[in-house]
Amino acid sequence: MAFGYEKFIAKILLQKNRKDWQKIRKAKNKIRYNKKTALSCSSSGKLQQRLTMKRHSKHFVRLYLNFRFLKLKVEVFF
């Protein structure tokens, strides 16, 4: 019983992660034109000013940069 329950939870988590990966892939495509600036820029205000031209780009870039930061954090601490 417990194993089936864990398997069910794992399936839901995988589906959620898949959606997140799709968003991250979209974010990569959105900021490809100024990827170097986005990754090297430390101030978020400057980054937001640069990316207000494209529709939804602020949301995607924030998600992408947060993901990069968390990935680095995980690599350092785990």
N, C-alpha and C. Protein backbone atom coordinates (compact mmCIF):
# COMPACT_ATOMS: atom_id res chain seq x y z
N MET A 1 0.82 -1.21 0.00
CA MET A 1 0.00 0.00 0.00
C MET A 1 0.86 1.26 0.00
N ALA A 2 1.85 1.28 0.87
CA ALA A 2 2.69 2.48 0.98
C ALA A 2 3.48 2.71 -0.30
N PHE A 3 3.95 1.62 -0.92
CA PHE A 3 4.74 1.76 -2.14
C PHE A 3 3.90 2.36 -3.27
N GLY A 4 2.65 1.91 -3.40
CA GLY A 4 1.76 2.45 -4.43
C GLY A 4 1.50 3.93 -4.22
N TYR A 5 1.34 4.32 -2.95
CA TYR A 5 1.10 5.72 -2.61
C TYR A 5 2.30 6.59 -2.97
N GLU A 6 3.51 6.11 -2.66
CA GLU A 6 4.74 6.84 -2.99
C GLU A 6 4.90 6.97 -4.50
N LYS A 7 4.57 5.89 -5.21
CA LYS A 7 4.67 5.89 -6.66
C LYS A 7 3.72 6.95 -7.26
N PHE A 8 2.52 7.04 -6.70
CA PHE A 8 1.53 8.02 -7.16
C PHE A 8 2.04 9.45 -6.95
N ILE A 9 2.61 9.71 -5.78
CA ILE A 9 3.16 11.04 -5.48
C ILE A 9 4.32 11.36 -6.43
N ALA A 10 5.18 10.37 -6.67
CA ALA A 10 6.31 10.58 -7.57
C ALA A 10 5.83 10.92 -8.98
N LYS A 11 4.74 10.27 -9.41
CA LYS A 11 4.19 10.54 -10.74
C LYS A 11 3.70 11.99 -10.85
N ILE A 12 3.01 12.46 -9.80
CA ILE A 12 2.53 13.85 -9.78
C ILE A 12 3.71 14.82 -9.81
N LEU A 13 4.74 14.55 -9.02
CA LEU A 13 5.92 15.42 -8.98
C LEU A 13 6.61 15.46 -10.34
N LEU A 14 6.69 14.32 -11.01
CA LEU A 14 7.31 14.29 -12.33
C LEU A 14 6.52 15.13 -13.33
N GLN A 15 5.19 15.07 -13.25
CA GLN A 15 4.37 15.87 -14.15
C GLN A 15 4.59 17.35 -13.90
N LYS A 16 4.68 17.73 -12.62
CA LYS A 16 4.92 19.14 -12.29
C LYS A 16 6.30 19.58 -12.79
N ASN A 17 7.30 18.75 -12.59
CA ASN A 17 8.65 19.08 -13.05
C ASN A 17 8.70 19.21 -14.56
N ARG A 18 7.93 18.39 -15.24
CA ARG A 18 7.90 18.47 -16.71
C ARG A 18 7.38 19.83 -17.16
N LYS A 19 6.33 20.31 -16.50
CA LYS A 19 5.81 21.64 -16.83
C LYS A 19 6.85 22.71 -16.55
N ASP A 20 7.56 22.58 -15.45
CA ASP A 20 8.62 23.55 -15.12
C ASP A 20 9.72 23.54 -16.17
N TRP A 21 10.09 22.34 -16.63
CA TRP A 21 11.12 22.25 -17.66
C TRP A 21 10.67 22.91 -18.95
N GLN A 22 9.36 22.79 -19.28
CA GLN A 22 8.85 23.46 -20.48
C GLN A 22 8.96 24.97 -20.33
N LYS A 23 8.66 25.49 -19.15
CA LYS A 23 8.79 26.93 -18.90
C LYS A 23 10.24 27.37 -19.00
N ILE A 24 11.14 26.56 -18.46
CA ILE A 24 12.57 26.90 -18.51
C ILE A 24 13.07 26.89 -19.95
N ARG A 25 12.60 25.93 -20.74
CA ARG A 25 12.99 25.87 -22.15
C ARG A 25 12.50 27.11 -22.89
N LYS A 26 11.26 27.54 -22.58
CA LYS A 26 10.73 28.77 -23.19
C LYS A 26 11.58 29.96 -22.77
N ALA A 27 11.98 29.99 -21.52
CA ALA A 27 12.80 31.10 -21.02
C ALA A 27 14.13 31.16 -21.74
N LYS A 28 14.74 30.00 -21.98
CA LYS A 28 16.01 29.97 -22.70
C LYS A 28 15.84 30.55 -24.09
N ASN A 29 14.73 30.20 -24.75
CA ASN A 29 14.49 30.73 -26.10
C ASN A 29 14.24 32.23 -26.06
N LYS A 30 13.56 32.70 -25.01
CA LYS A 30 13.23 34.13 -24.92
C LYS A 30 14.48 34.98 -24.74
N ILE A 31 15.42 34.53 -23.91
CA ILE A 31 16.56 35.40 -23.60
C ILE A 31 17.82 35.03 -24.37
N ARG A 32 17.67 34.24 -25.42
CA ARG A 32 18.85 33.85 -26.20
C ARG A 32 19.51 35.07 -26.84
N TYR A 33 18.70 36.08 -27.20
CA TYR A 33 19.26 37.24 -27.91
C TYR A 33 20.17 38.08 -27.02
N ASN A 34 19.99 38.04 -25.72
CA ASN A 34 20.94 38.73 -24.84
C ASN A 34 21.23 37.86 -23.62
N LYS A 35 21.58 36.63 -23.87
CA LYS A 35 21.86 35.67 -22.80
C LYS A 35 23.06 36.09 -21.96
N LYS A 36 24.11 36.55 -22.62
CA LYS A 36 25.32 36.95 -21.89
C LYS A 36 25.01 38.09 -20.93
N THR A 37 24.25 39.07 -21.40
CA THR A 37 23.91 40.21 -20.55
C THR A 37 23.05 39.75 -19.38
N ALA A 38 22.10 38.85 -19.66
CA ALA A 38 21.18 38.41 -18.61
C ALA A 38 21.91 37.63 -17.52
N LEU A 39 22.86 36.80 -17.91
CA LEU A 39 23.55 35.98 -16.92
C LEU A 39 24.64 36.75 -16.17
N SER A 40 25.23 37.74 -16.83
CA SER A 40 26.31 38.49 -16.17
C SER A 40 25.78 39.68 -15.36
N CYS A 41 24.56 40.10 -15.66
CA CYS A 41 24.00 41.28 -14.99
C CYS A 41 23.59 40.92 -13.57
N SER A 42 24.08 41.66 -12.60
CA SER A 42 23.78 41.34 -11.20
C SER A 42 22.54 42.08 -10.71
N SER A 43 22.29 43.28 -11.24
CA SER A 43 21.13 44.06 -10.77
C SER A 43 19.89 43.69 -11.58
N SER A 44 18.83 43.30 -10.88
CA SER A 44 17.62 42.84 -11.56
C SER A 44 16.88 44.00 -12.24
N GLY A 45 17.00 45.20 -11.69
CA GLY A 45 16.33 46.36 -12.29
C GLY A 45 16.83 46.64 -13.69
N LYS A 46 18.14 46.55 -13.87
CA LYS A 46 18.75 46.77 -15.17
C LYS A 46 18.28 45.70 -16.16
N LEU A 47 18.20 44.47 -15.66
CA LEU A 47 17.77 43.36 -16.50
C LEU A 47 16.32 43.53 -16.92
N GLN A 48 15.46 43.95 -15.99
CA GLN A 48 14.05 44.13 -16.30
C GLN A 48 13.86 45.26 -17.31
N GLN A 49 14.63 46.32 -17.20
CA GLN A 49 14.52 47.41 -18.16
C GLN A 49 14.89 46.94 -19.57
N ARG A 50 15.88 46.09 -19.67
CA ARG A 50 16.30 45.60 -20.98
C ARG A 50 15.24 44.70 -21.61
N LEU A 51 14.53 43.93 -20.79
CA LEU A 51 13.65 42.90 -21.32
C LEU A 51 12.17 43.27 -21.31
N THR A 52 11.85 44.55 -21.15
CA THR A 52 10.44 44.94 -21.17
C THR A 52 9.89 45.00 -22.59
N MET A 53 10.74 44.92 -23.59
CA MET A 53 10.28 45.03 -24.98
C MET A 53 9.46 43.82 -25.41
N LYS A 54 9.88 42.63 -24.99
CA LYS A 54 9.18 41.41 -25.41
C LYS A 54 8.05 41.08 -24.45
N ARG A 55 6.98 40.52 -24.99
CA ARG A 55 5.83 40.17 -24.17
C ARG A 55 6.15 38.97 -23.28
N HIS A 56 5.78 39.02 -22.02
CA HIS A 56 5.99 37.96 -21.03
C HIS A 56 7.45 37.67 -20.72
N SER A 57 8.37 38.45 -21.27
CA SER A 57 9.78 38.08 -21.11
C SER A 57 10.26 38.27 -19.67
N LYS A 58 9.74 39.27 -18.95
CA LYS A 58 10.18 39.49 -17.56
C LYS A 58 9.87 38.26 -16.71
N HIS A 59 8.66 37.71 -16.87
CA HIS A 59 8.24 36.55 -16.08
C HIS A 59 9.14 35.35 -16.36
N PHE A 60 9.37 35.08 -17.64
CA PHE A 60 10.17 33.92 -18.01
C PHE A 60 11.62 34.08 -17.58
N VAL A 61 12.17 35.28 -17.72
CA VAL A 61 13.57 35.49 -17.35
C VAL A 61 13.75 35.36 -15.85
N ARG A 62 12.80 35.88 -15.09
CA ARG A 62 12.88 35.75 -13.63
C ARG A 62 12.87 34.28 -13.24
N LEU A 63 12.00 33.50 -13.88
CA LEU A 63 11.93 32.06 -13.61
C LEU A 63 13.24 31.38 -13.97
N TYR A 64 13.79 31.75 -15.12
CA TYR A 64 15.01 31.10 -15.61
C TYR A 64 16.20 31.43 -14.71
N LEU A 65 16.34 32.69 -14.32
CA LEU A 65 17.47 33.07 -13.47
C LEU A 65 17.34 32.48 -12.08
N ASN A 66 16.10 32.41 -11.56
CA ASN A 66 15.90 31.77 -10.27
C ASN A 66 16.29 30.30 -10.35
N PHE A 67 15.94 29.67 -11.45
CA PHE A 67 16.29 28.25 -11.61
C PHE A 67 17.80 28.09 -11.67
N ARG A 68 18.49 28.97 -12.38
CA ARG A 68 19.96 28.87 -12.47
C ARG A 68 20.58 29.05 -11.07
N PHE A 69 20.06 30.00 -10.32
CA PHE A 69 20.59 30.25 -8.97
C PHE A 69 20.36 29.04 -8.07
N LEU A 70 19.15 28.47 -8.13
CA LEU A 70 18.85 27.30 -7.29
C LEU A 70 19.70 26.11 -7.70
N LYS A 71 19.94 25.97 -9.00
CA LYS A 71 20.77 24.87 -9.47
C LYS A 71 22.19 25.00 -8.93
N LEU A 72 22.72 26.22 -8.96
CA LEU A 72 24.05 26.45 -8.42
C LEU A 72 24.08 26.19 -6.91
N LYS A 73 23.01 26.62 -6.23
CA LYS A 73 22.92 26.43 -4.78
C LYS A 73 22.89 24.94 -4.45
N VAL A 74 22.13 24.19 -5.22
CA VAL A 74 22.04 22.74 -5.00
C VAL A 74 23.39 22.08 -5.25
N GLU A 75 24.08 22.49 -6.30
CA GLU A 75 25.39 21.92 -6.61
C GLU A 75 26.39 22.21 -5.48
N VAL A 76 26.30 23.38 -4.89
CA VAL A 76 27.24 23.74 -3.83
C VAL A 76 26.94 23.00 -2.53
N PHE A 77 25.66 22.93 -2.16
CA PHE A 77 25.31 22.39 -0.84
C PHE A 77 25.08 20.89 -0.80
N PHE A 78 24.82 20.25 -1.95
CA PHE A 78 24.54 18.82 -1.89
C PHE A 78 25.67 18.00 -2.43
